[in-house]
Amino acid sequence: MKADKSAGDLTLDYEDHQMTVIKHLLVNHVKDIDGQENEMATLAYKMYYVIEKYLNEIIDLKFCGPNSKLALVGGIMINCDGKRTDCFLPLKLEIRTP
């Protein structure tokens, strides 16, 4: 993504729309990630916070009844080598009420 100046341009790639959207969301954060001690970890955290911001913008509790609750669980999935070694790093455990 650092070398591809067209990365994140939603008008160019329809073959893998999901990856193009991810690149589009991260394109403004490349400078923050570039040069960090662990770029992949920084990338994972940056993507988490981009998605968290997006979710906060679209969550609407107006549909809920007076006793309703929305549970939010968020974090980073860490893929590891070996069987059953993947881990989940929880970053958000929250209950929201209307």
PDB file of N, CA and C in Angstrom:
ATOM      1  N   MET A   1       0.824  -1.178   0.000  1.00  0.00           N
ATOM      2  CA  MET A   1       0.000   0.000   0.000  1.00  0.00           C
ATOM      3  C   MET A   1       0.873   1.249   0.000  1.00  0.00           C
ATOM      4  N   LYS A   2       2.026   1.182   0.642  1.00  0.00           N
ATOM      5  CA  LYS A   2       2.896   2.346   0.669  1.00  0.00           C
ATOM      6  C   LYS A   2       3.401   2.667  -0.729  1.00  0.00           C
ATOM      7  N   ALA A   3       3.712   1.635  -1.518  1.00  0.00           N
ATOM      8  CA  ALA A   3       4.263   1.851  -2.850  1.00  0.00           C
ATOM      9  C   ALA A   3       3.183   2.118  -3.892  1.00  0.00           C
ATOM     10  N   ASP A   4       1.971   1.669  -3.650  1.00  0.00           N
ATOM     11  CA  ASP A   4       0.883   1.813  -4.619  1.00  0.00           C
ATOM     12  C   ASP A   4       0.121   3.097  -4.347  1.00  0.00           C
ATOM     13  N   LYS A   5       0.381   4.112  -5.152  1.00  0.00           N
ATOM     14  CA  LYS A   5      -0.241   5.421  -4.939  1.00  0.00           C
ATOM     15  C   LYS A   5      -1.748   5.407  -5.223  1.00  0.00           C
ATOM     16  N   SER A   6      -2.246   4.401  -5.936  1.00  0.00           N
ATOM     17  CA  SER A   6      -3.682   4.330  -6.218  1.00  0.00           C
ATOM     18  C   SER A   6      -4.425   3.468  -5.197  1.00  0.00           C
ATOM     19  N   ALA A   7      -3.717   2.951  -4.192  1.00  0.00           N
ATOM     20  CA  ALA A   7      -4.350   2.107  -3.176  1.00  0.00           C
ATOM     21  C   ALA A   7      -5.460   2.875  -2.481  1.00  0.00           C
ATOM     22  N   GLY A   8      -6.580   2.233  -2.353  1.00  0.00           N
ATOM     23  CA  GLY A   8      -7.710   2.867  -1.687  1.00  0.00           C
ATOM     24  C   GLY A   8      -8.628   3.632  -2.614  1.00  0.00           C
ATOM     25  N   ASP A   9      -8.302   3.671  -3.896  1.00  0.00           N
ATOM     26  CA  ASP A   9      -9.175   4.349  -4.858  1.00  0.00           C
ATOM     27  C   ASP A   9     -10.310   3.387  -5.209  1.00  0.00           C
ATOM     28  N   LEU A  10     -11.503   3.670  -4.708  1.00  0.00           N
ATOM     29  CA  LEU A  10     -12.633   2.759  -4.871  1.00  0.00           C
ATOM     30  C   LEU A  10     -13.091   2.625  -6.320  1.00  0.00           C
ATOM     31  N   THR A  11     -12.659   3.500  -7.190  1.00  0.00           N
ATOM     32  CA  THR A  11     -13.107   3.440  -8.581  1.00  0.00           C
ATOM     33  C   THR A  11     -12.269   2.491  -9.422  1.00  0.00           C
ATOM     34  N   LEU A  12     -11.164   1.978  -8.897  1.00  0.00           N
ATOM     35  CA  LEU A  12     -10.246   1.195  -9.723  1.00  0.00           C
ATOM     36  C   LEU A  12     -10.404  -0.307  -9.632  1.00  0.00           C
ATOM     37  N   ASP A  13     -10.778  -0.847  -8.494  1.00  0.00           N
ATOM     38  CA  ASP A  13     -10.721  -2.298  -8.300  1.00  0.00           C
ATOM     39  C   ASP A  13     -12.061  -2.846  -7.828  1.00  0.00           C
ATOM     40  N   TYR A  14     -12.677  -3.641  -8.680  1.00  0.00           N
ATOM     41  CA  TYR A  14     -13.942  -4.262  -8.308  1.00  0.00           C
ATOM     42  C   TYR A  14     -13.792  -5.752  -8.053  1.00  0.00           C
ATOM     43  N   GLU A  15     -12.603  -6.309  -8.262  1.00  0.00           N
ATOM     44  CA  GLU A  15     -12.398  -7.735  -8.076  1.00  0.00           C
ATOM     45  C   GLU A  15     -12.354  -8.129  -6.606  1.00  0.00           C
ATOM     46  N   ASP A  16     -11.784  -7.293  -5.770  1.00  0.00           N
ATOM     47  CA  ASP A  16     -11.712  -7.577  -4.336  1.00  0.00           C
ATOM     48  C   ASP A  16     -12.151  -6.318  -3.603  1.00  0.00           C
ATOM     49  N   HIS A  17     -13.450  -6.089  -3.607  1.00  0.00           N
ATOM     50  CA  HIS A  17     -13.994  -4.856  -3.052  1.00  0.00           C
ATOM     51  C   HIS A  17     -13.682  -4.707  -1.569  1.00  0.00           C
ATOM     52  N   GLN A  18     -13.722  -5.795  -0.817  1.00  0.00           N
ATOM     53  CA  GLN A  18     -13.464  -5.721   0.619  1.00  0.00           C
ATOM     54  C   GLN A  18     -12.054  -5.189   0.890  1.00  0.00           C
ATOM     55  N   MET A  19     -11.047  -5.724   0.193  1.00  0.00           N
ATOM     56  CA  MET A  19      -9.680  -5.260   0.400  1.00  0.00           C
ATOM     57  C   MET A  19      -9.524  -3.819  -0.075  1.00  0.00           C
ATOM     58  N   THR A  20     -10.201  -3.449  -1.145  1.00  0.00           N
ATOM     59  CA  THR A  20     -10.126  -2.067  -1.631  1.00  0.00           C
ATOM     60  C   THR A  20     -10.704  -1.102  -0.608  1.00  0.00           C
ATOM     61  N   VAL A  21     -11.803  -1.469   0.027  1.00  0.00           N
ATOM     62  CA  VAL A  21     -12.402  -0.614   1.058  1.00  0.00           C
ATOM     63  C   VAL A  21     -11.454  -0.492   2.247  1.00  0.00           C
ATOM     64  N   ILE A  22     -10.829  -1.585   2.652  1.00  0.00           N
ATOM     65  CA  ILE A  22      -9.866  -1.538   3.753  1.00  0.00           C
ATOM     66  C   ILE A  22      -8.728  -0.578   3.404  1.00  0.00           C
ATOM     67  N   LYS A  23      -8.193  -0.688   2.204  1.00  0.00           N
ATOM     68  CA  LYS A  23      -7.128   0.220   1.772  1.00  0.00           C
ATOM     69  C   LYS A  23      -7.616   1.660   1.766  1.00  0.00           C
ATOM     70  N   HIS A  24      -8.838   1.859   1.308  1.00  0.00           N
ATOM     71  CA  HIS A  24      -9.415   3.212   1.268  1.00  0.00           C
ATOM     72  C   HIS A  24      -9.500   3.804   2.679  1.00  0.00           C
ATOM     73  N   LEU A  25      -9.906   2.996   3.636  1.00  0.00           N
ATOM     74  CA  LEU A  25     -10.034   3.476   5.011  1.00  0.00           C
ATOM     75  C   LEU A  25      -8.675   3.769   5.646  1.00  0.00           C
ATOM     76  N   LEU A  26      -7.631   3.084   5.193  1.00  0.00           N
ATOM     77  CA  LEU A  26      -6.315   3.232   5.801  1.00  0.00           C
ATOM     78  C   LEU A  26      -5.384   4.191   5.067  1.00  0.00           C
ATOM     79  N   VAL A  27      -5.735   4.583   3.861  1.00  0.00           N
ATOM     80  CA  VAL A  27      -4.800   5.358   3.034  1.00  0.00           C
ATOM     81  C   VAL A  27      -4.329   6.635   3.728  1.00  0.00           C
ATOM     82  N   ASN A  28      -5.165   7.260   4.522  1.00  0.00           N
ATOM     83  CA  ASN A  28      -4.767   8.488   5.217  1.00  0.00           C
ATOM     84  C   ASN A  28      -3.916   8.224   6.452  1.00  0.00           C
ATOM     85  N   HIS A  29      -3.710   6.961   6.800  1.00  0.00           N
ATOM     86  CA  HIS A  29      -2.965   6.611   8.012  1.00  0.00           C
ATOM     87  C   HIS A  29      -1.608   5.976   7.706  1.00  0.00           C
ATOM     88  N   VAL A  30      -1.246   5.875   6.440  1.00  0.00           N
ATOM     89  CA  VAL A  30       0.001   5.212   6.054  1.00  0.00           C
ATOM     90  C   VAL A  30       1.207   5.887   6.709  1.00  0.00           C
ATOM     91  N   LYS A  31       1.219   7.201   6.753  1.00  0.00           N
ATOM     92  CA  LYS A  31       2.359   7.922   7.356  1.00  0.00           C
ATOM     93  C   LYS A  31       2.491   7.615   8.843  1.00  0.00           C
ATOM     94  N   ASP A  32       1.363   7.402   9.530  1.00  0.00           N
ATOM     95  CA  ASP A  32       1.401   7.059  10.959  1.00  0.00           C
ATOM     96  C   ASP A  32       1.970   5.658  11.184  1.00  0.00           C
ATOM     97  N   ILE A  33       1.736   4.768  10.225  1.00  0.00           N
ATOM     98  CA  ILE A  33       2.148   3.375  10.344  1.00  0.00           C
ATOM     99  C   ILE A  33       3.596   3.179   9.887  1.00  0.00           C
ATOM    100  N   ASP A  34       3.957   3.871   8.820  1.00  0.00           N
ATOM    101  CA  ASP A  34       5.274   3.719   8.197  1.00  0.00           C
ATOM    102  C   ASP A  34       6.388   4.063   9.178  1.00  0.00           C
ATOM    103  N   GLY A  35       7.339   3.154   9.318  1.00  0.00           N
ATOM    104  CA  GLY A  35       8.497   3.409  10.158  1.00  0.00           C
ATOM    105  C   GLY A  35       8.331   3.026  11.618  1.00  0.00           C
ATOM    106  N   GLN A  36       7.146   2.563  12.010  1.00  0.00           N
ATOM    107  CA  GLN A  36       6.952   2.128  13.395  1.00  0.00           C
ATOM    108  C   GLN A  36       7.768   0.868  13.661  1.00  0.00           C
ATOM    109  N   GLU A  37       8.101   0.631  14.903  1.00  0.00           N
ATOM    110  CA  GLU A  37       8.911  -0.540  15.259  1.00  0.00           C
ATOM    111  C   GLU A  37       8.262  -1.832  14.770  1.00  0.00           C
ATOM    112  N   ASN A  38       6.948  -1.945  14.934  1.00  0.00           N
ATOM    113  CA  ASN A  38       6.218  -3.108  14.441  1.00  0.00           C
ATOM    114  C   ASN A  38       5.055  -2.590  13.597  1.00  0.00           C
ATOM    115  N   GLU A  39       5.303  -2.457  12.300  1.00  0.00           N
ATOM    116  CA  GLU A  39       4.292  -1.886  11.407  1.00  0.00           C
ATOM    117  C   GLU A  39       3.027  -2.714  11.357  1.00  0.00           C
ATOM    118  N   MET A  40       3.137  -4.045  11.440  1.00  0.00           N
ATOM    119  CA  MET A  40       1.950  -4.895  11.360  1.00  0.00           C
ATOM    120  C   MET A  40       1.067  -4.725  12.595  1.00  0.00           C
ATOM    121  N   ALA A  41       1.664  -4.608  13.767  1.00  0.00           N
ATOM    122  CA  ALA A  41       0.885  -4.379  14.985  1.00  0.00           C
ATOM    123  C   ALA A  41       0.235  -2.999  14.931  1.00  0.00           C
ATOM    124  N   THR A  42       0.993  -2.008  14.488  1.00  0.00           N
ATOM    125  CA  THR A  42       0.443  -0.653  14.361  1.00  0.00           C
ATOM    126  C   THR A  42      -0.702  -0.640  13.367  1.00  0.00           C
ATOM    127  N   LEU A  43      -0.555  -1.362  12.270  1.00  0.00           N
ATOM    128  CA  LEU A  43      -1.617  -1.474  11.263  1.00  0.00           C
ATOM    129  C   LEU A  43      -2.872  -2.090  11.869  1.00  0.00           C
ATOM    130  N   ALA A  44      -2.722  -3.150  12.643  1.00  0.00           N
ATOM    131  CA  ALA A  44      -3.877  -3.816  13.262  1.00  0.00           C
ATOM    132  C   ALA A  44      -4.610  -2.868  14.212  1.00  0.00           C
ATOM    133  N   TYR A  45      -3.874  -2.162  15.054  1.00  0.00           N
ATOM    134  CA  TYR A  45      -4.499  -1.206  15.972  1.00  0.00           C
ATOM    135  C   TYR A  45      -5.157  -0.061  15.211  1.00  0.00           C
ATOM    136  N   LYS A  46      -4.497   0.437  14.187  1.00  0.00           N
ATOM    137  CA  LYS A  46      -5.066   1.547  13.397  1.00  0.00           C
ATOM    138  C   LYS A  46      -6.374   1.099  12.741  1.00  0.00           C
ATOM    139  N   MET A  47      -6.397  -0.107  12.193  1.00  0.00           N
ATOM    140  CA  MET A  47      -7.615  -0.615  11.558  1.00  0.00           C
ATOM    141  C   MET A  47      -8.716  -0.777  12.584  1.00  0.00           C
ATOM    142  N   TYR A  48      -8.374  -1.260  13.776  1.00  0.00           N
ATOM    143  CA  TYR A  48      -9.371  -1.395  14.830  1.00  0.00           C
ATOM    144  C   TYR A  48     -10.013  -0.039  15.134  1.00  0.00           C
ATOM    145  N   TYR A  49      -9.204   0.989  15.306  1.00  0.00           N
ATOM    146  CA  TYR A  49      -9.736   2.311  15.665  1.00  0.00           C
ATOM    147  C   TYR A  49     -10.509   2.954  14.510  1.00  0.00           C
ATOM    148  N   VAL A  50     -10.117   2.668  13.267  1.00  0.00           N
ATOM    149  CA  VAL A  50     -10.885   3.160  12.109  1.00  0.00           C
ATOM    150  C   VAL A  50     -12.277   2.535  12.115  1.00  0.00           C
ATOM    151  N   ILE A  51     -12.351   1.232  12.350  1.00  0.00           N
ATOM    152  CA  ILE A  51     -13.639   0.538  12.382  1.00  0.00           C
ATOM    153  C   ILE A  51     -14.451   0.958  13.600  1.00  0.00           C
ATOM    154  N   GLU A  52     -13.802   1.146  14.749  1.00  0.00           N
ATOM    155  CA  GLU A  52     -14.508   1.603  15.943  1.00  0.00           C
ATOM    156  C   GLU A  52     -15.161   2.965  15.692  1.00  0.00           C
ATOM    157  N   LYS A  53     -14.430   3.862  15.070  1.00  0.00           N
ATOM    158  CA  LYS A  53     -14.981   5.192  14.746  1.00  0.00           C
ATOM    159  C   LYS A  53     -16.187   5.055  13.818  1.00  0.00           C
ATOM    160  N   TYR A  54     -16.053   4.209  12.802  1.00  0.00           N
ATOM    161  CA  TYR A  54     -17.149   3.988  11.853  1.00  0.00           C
ATOM    162  C   TYR A  54     -18.388   3.442  12.573  1.00  0.00           C
ATOM    163  N   LEU A  55     -18.205   2.448  13.427  1.00  0.00           N
ATOM    164  CA  LEU A  55     -19.334   1.875  14.155  1.00  0.00           C
ATOM    165  C   LEU A  55     -20.011   2.908  15.046  1.00  0.00           C
ATOM    166  N   ASN A  56     -19.224   3.727  15.715  1.00  0.00           N
ATOM    167  CA  ASN A  56     -19.805   4.771  16.563  1.00  0.00           C
ATOM    168  C   ASN A  56     -20.636   5.759  15.758  1.00  0.00           C
ATOM    169  N   GLU A  57     -20.262   5.971  14.503  1.00  0.00           N
ATOM    170  CA  GLU A  57     -21.022   6.878  13.644  1.00  0.00           C
ATOM    171  C   GLU A  57     -22.347   6.278  13.194  1.00  0.00           C
ATOM    172  N   ILE A  58     -22.409   4.956  13.042  1.00  0.00           N
ATOM    173  CA  ILE A  58     -23.626   4.350  12.490  1.00  0.00           C
ATOM    174  C   ILE A  58     -24.538   3.715  13.531  1.00  0.00           C
ATOM    175  N   ILE A  59     -24.054   3.482  14.737  1.00  0.00           N
ATOM    176  CA  ILE A  59     -24.902   2.862  15.769  1.00  0.00           C
ATOM    177  C   ILE A  59     -26.011   3.836  16.154  1.00  0.00           C
ATOM    178  N   ASP A  60     -27.234   3.333  16.089  1.00  0.00           N
ATOM    179  CA  ASP A  60     -28.408   4.135  16.419  1.00  0.00           C
ATOM    180  C   ASP A  60     -29.272   3.323  17.373  1.00  0.00           C
ATOM    181  N   LEU A  61     -29.442   3.817  18.581  1.00  0.00           N
ATOM    182  CA  LEU A  61     -30.206   3.090  19.591  1.00  0.00           C
ATOM    183  C   LEU A  61     -31.678   3.495  19.619  1.00  0.00           C
ATOM    184  N   LYS A  62     -32.121   4.275  18.649  1.00  0.00           N
ATOM    185  CA  LYS A  62     -33.519   4.728  18.640  1.00  0.00           C
ATOM    186  C   LYS A  62     -34.499   3.576  18.423  1.00  0.00           C
ATOM    187  N   PHE A  63     -34.044   2.493  17.819  1.00  0.00           N
ATOM    188  CA  PHE A  63     -34.934   1.354  17.577  1.00  0.00           C
ATOM    189  C   PHE A  63     -35.198   0.562  18.850  1.00  0.00           C
ATOM    190  N   CYS A  64     -34.377   0.751  19.860  1.00  0.00           N
ATOM    191  CA  CYS A  64     -34.460  -0.040  21.090  1.00  0.00           C
ATOM    192  C   CYS A  64     -35.659   0.344  21.939  1.00  0.00           C
ATOM    193  N   GLY A  65     -36.143  -0.625  22.673  1.00  0.00           N
ATOM    194  CA  GLY A  65     -37.157  -0.358  23.678  1.00  0.00           C
ATOM    195  C   GLY A  65     -36.492   0.200  24.935  1.00  0.00           C
ATOM    196  N   PRO A  66     -37.276   0.619  25.911  1.00  0.00           N
ATOM    197  CA  PRO A  66     -36.708   1.249  27.111  1.00  0.00           C
ATOM    198  C   PRO A  66     -35.827   0.310  27.945  1.00  0.00           C
ATOM    199  N   ASN A  67     -36.024  -0.988  27.821  1.00  0.00           N
ATOM    200  CA  ASN A  67     -35.219  -1.938  28.585  1.00  0.00           C
ATOM    201  C   ASN A  67     -34.163  -2.643  27.739  1.00  0.00           C
ATOM    202  N   SER A  68     -33.991  -2.184  26.500  1.00  0.00           N
ATOM    203  CA  SER A  68     -33.038  -2.825  25.594  1.00  0.00           C
ATOM    204  C   SER A  68     -31.604  -2.440  25.932  1.00  0.00           C
ATOM    205  N   LYS A  69     -30.701  -3.319  25.544  1.00  0.00           N
ATOM    206  CA  LYS A  69     -29.274  -3.067  25.711  1.00  0.00           C
ATOM    207  C   LYS A  69     -28.543  -3.567  24.473  1.00  0.00           C
ATOM    208  N   LEU A  70     -27.475  -2.872  24.133  1.00  0.00           N
ATOM    209  CA  LEU A  70     -26.620  -3.288  23.021  1.00  0.00           C
ATOM    210  C   LEU A  70     -25.254  -3.609  23.596  1.00  0.00           C
ATOM    211  N   ALA A  71     -24.797  -4.850  23.401  1.00  0.00           N
ATOM    212  CA  ALA A  71     -23.471  -5.252  23.869  1.00  0.00           C
ATOM    213  C   ALA A  71     -22.490  -5.116  22.719  1.00  0.00           C
ATOM    214  N   LEU A  72     -21.400  -4.415  22.970  1.00  0.00           N
ATOM    215  CA  LEU A  72     -20.343  -4.252  21.982  1.00  0.00           C
ATOM    216  C   LEU A  72     -19.093  -4.963  22.480  1.00  0.00           C
ATOM    217  N   VAL A  73     -18.600  -5.889  21.669  1.00  0.00           N
ATOM    218  CA  VAL A  73     -17.366  -6.599  21.967  1.00  0.00           C
ATOM    219  C   VAL A  73     -16.461  -6.386  20.766  1.00  0.00           C
ATOM    220  N   GLY A  74     -15.298  -5.815  20.989  1.00  0.00           N
ATOM    221  CA  GLY A  74     -14.400  -5.550  19.879  1.00  0.00           C
ATOM    222  C   GLY A  74     -12.965  -5.837  20.257  1.00  0.00           C
ATOM    223  N   GLY A  75     -12.166  -6.098  19.254  1.00  0.00           N
ATOM    224  CA  GLY A  75     -10.763  -6.361  19.499  1.00  0.00           C
ATOM    225  C   GLY A  75     -10.055  -6.743  18.227  1.00  0.00           C
ATOM    226  N   ILE A  76      -8.902  -7.301  18.394  1.00  0.00           N
ATOM    227  CA  ILE A  76      -8.057  -7.679  17.267  1.00  0.00           C
ATOM    228  C   ILE A  76      -7.845  -9.186  17.306  1.00  0.00           C
ATOM    229  N   MET A  77      -8.116  -9.818  16.174  1.00  0.00           N
ATOM    230  CA  MET A  77      -7.865 -11.247  16.025  1.00  0.00           C
ATOM    231  C   MET A  77      -6.402 -11.421  15.637  1.00  0.00           C
ATOM    232  N   ILE A  78      -5.690 -12.266  16.367  1.00  0.00           N
ATOM    233  CA  ILE A  78      -4.273 -12.494  16.117  1.00  0.00           C
ATOM    234  C   ILE A  78      -4.119 -13.903  15.577  1.00  0.00           C
ATOM    235  N   ASN A  79      -3.760 -14.010  14.304  1.00  0.00           N
ATOM    236  CA  ASN A  79      -3.582 -15.308  13.664  1.00  0.00           C
ATOM    237  C   ASN A  79      -2.167 -15.803  13.928  1.00  0.00           C
ATOM    238  N   CYS A  80      -2.071 -17.005  14.491  1.00  0.00           N
ATOM    239  CA  CYS A  80      -0.778 -17.580  14.858  1.00  0.00           C
ATOM    240  C   CYS A  80      -0.574 -18.897  14.120  1.00  0.00           C
ATOM    241  N   ASP A  81       0.679 -19.300  14.002  1.00  0.00           N
ATOM    242  CA  ASP A  81       0.986 -20.605  13.408  1.00  0.00           C
ATOM    243  C   ASP A  81       0.563 -21.711  14.367  1.00  0.00           C
ATOM    244  N   GLY A  82       0.184 -22.842  13.808  1.00  0.00           N
ATOM    245  CA  GLY A  82      -0.166 -23.992  14.632  1.00  0.00           C
ATOM    246  C   GLY A  82      -1.664 -24.121  14.827  1.00  0.00           C
ATOM    247  N   LYS A  83      -2.086 -25.289  15.255  1.00  0.00           N
ATOM    248  CA  LYS A  83      -3.496 -25.554  15.472  1.00  0.00           C
ATOM    249  C   LYS A  83      -3.980 -24.904  16.760  1.00  0.00           C
ATOM    250  N   ARG A  84      -5.112 -24.270  16.673  1.00  0.00           N
ATOM    251  CA  ARG A  84      -5.790 -23.672  17.833  1.00  0.00           C
ATOM    252  C   ARG A  84      -4.907 -22.700  18.620  1.00  0.00           C
ATOM    253  N   THR A  85      -4.068 -21.976  17.921  1.00  0.00           N
ATOM    254  CA  THR A  85      -3.198 -21.027  18.605  1.00  0.00           C
ATOM    255  C   THR A  85      -3.602 -19.576  18.348  1.00  0.00           C
ATOM    256  N   ASP A  86      -4.637 -19.354  17.532  1.00  0.00           N
ATOM    257  CA  ASP A  86      -5.083 -17.991  17.299  1.00  0.00           C
ATOM    258  C   ASP A  86      -5.597 -17.385  18.595  1.00  0.00           C
ATOM    259  N   CYS A  87      -5.435 -16.085  18.718  1.00  0.00           N
ATOM    260  CA  CYS A  87      -5.827 -15.391  19.943  1.00  0.00           C
ATOM    261  C   CYS A  87      -6.708 -14.197  19.606  1.00  0.00           C
ATOM    262  N   PHE A  88      -7.447 -13.736  20.583  1.00  0.00           N
ATOM    263  CA  PHE A  88      -8.272 -12.539  20.448  1.00  0.00           C
ATOM    264  C   PHE A  88      -7.820 -11.559  21.520  1.00  0.00           C
ATOM    265  N   LEU A  89      -7.473 -10.349  21.098  1.00  0.00           N
ATOM    266  CA  LEU A  89      -7.089  -9.288  22.017  1.00  0.00           C
ATOM    267  C   LEU A  89      -8.296  -8.387  22.222  1.00  0.00           C
ATOM    268  N   PRO A  90      -9.004  -8.518  23.350  1.00  0.00           N
ATOM    269  CA  PRO A  90     -10.185  -7.677  23.559  1.00  0.00           C
ATOM    270  C   PRO A  90      -9.785  -6.233  23.855  1.00  0.00           C
ATOM    271  N   LEU A  91     -10.432  -5.308  23.169  1.00  0.00           N
ATOM    272  CA  LEU A  91     -10.175  -3.880  23.374  1.00  0.00           C
ATOM    273  C   LEU A  91     -11.422  -3.126  23.781  1.00  0.00           C
ATOM    274  N   LYS A  92     -12.592  -3.730  23.597  1.00  0.00           N
ATOM    275  CA  LYS A  92     -13.829  -3.068  23.966  1.00  0.00           C
ATOM    276  C   LYS A  92     -14.817  -4.096  24.503  1.00  0.00           C
ATOM    277  N   LEU A  93     -15.311  -3.842  25.689  1.00  0.00           N
ATOM    278  CA  LEU A  93     -16.408  -4.603  26.283  1.00  0.00           C
ATOM    279  C   LEU A  93     -17.339  -3.542  26.854  1.00  0.00           C
ATOM    280  N   GLU A  94     -18.453  -3.323  26.187  1.00  0.00           N
ATOM    281  CA  GLU A  94     -19.306  -2.177  26.543  1.00  0.00           C
ATOM    282  C   GLU A  94     -20.768  -2.519  26.371  1.00  0.00           C
ATOM    283  N   ILE A  95     -21.601  -2.003  27.257  1.00  0.00           N
ATOM    284  CA  ILE A  95     -23.058  -2.113  27.150  1.00  0.00           C
ATOM    285  C   ILE A  95     -23.609  -0.711  26.943  1.00  0.00           C
ATOM    286  N   ARG A  96     -24.440  -0.562  25.916  1.00  0.00           N
ATOM    287  CA  ARG A  96     -25.076   0.727  25.657  1.00  0.00           C
ATOM    288  C   ARG A  96     -26.587   0.581  25.829  1.00  0.00           C
ATOM    289  N   THR A  97     -27.181   1.595  26.383  1.00  0.00           N
ATOM    290  CA  THR A  97     -28.635   1.623  26.552  1.00  0.00           C
ATOM    291  C   THR A  97     -29.185   2.884  25.900  1.00  0.00           C
ATOM    292  N   PRO A  98     -30.474   2.820  25.470  1.00  0.00           N
ATOM    293  CA  PRO A  98     -31.048   3.997  24.812  1.00  0.00           C
ATOM    294  C   PRO A  98     -31.226   5.175  25.757  1.00  0.00           C
TER     295      PRO A  98
END
